[in-house]
């Protein structure tokens, strides 16, 4: 898929995710644990300015990583968090644009839609990704097999 496709949930397209270094906190992969993890994770940083927030959903391992890019301004500081390098890969992205709380209510349906549509093409060894772009824009991404 080289073009964008419009759906009732949002715009979908194939993208390439490059290698990224993350600071992260790992929690069980259930909605309540994820919801509780975000404020705890954000409290590790002196400021959220410039931070790009991601949720990595490792479904088969039953873990969820609350993540932020390692920034140059961090100057090697981990803020009490772990660090890892994500290798990147090919993904299908569905961009959700809704005001909260409706935005959060669309996450489950977005995953269901993408999994149903691309089930045979998913690389289950890579995580599904949520990229929190702004208060009302969220990218849901599923990994594609090579």
Foldseek 3Di string as FASTA:
>chain_A
DQDWDADPQAIKDKDWWAKFKKWKDKDFQDPVGVVVVVVVVVVLDPDCVPWWWKWWALPVVRMIITITTDDVVCVPPSSPTDMDMDHIAMKMKGKGFDAPPVQVVCPVVVVVVVCVVCVVFFDSRGTWMWICPDNGIIITITHGDD
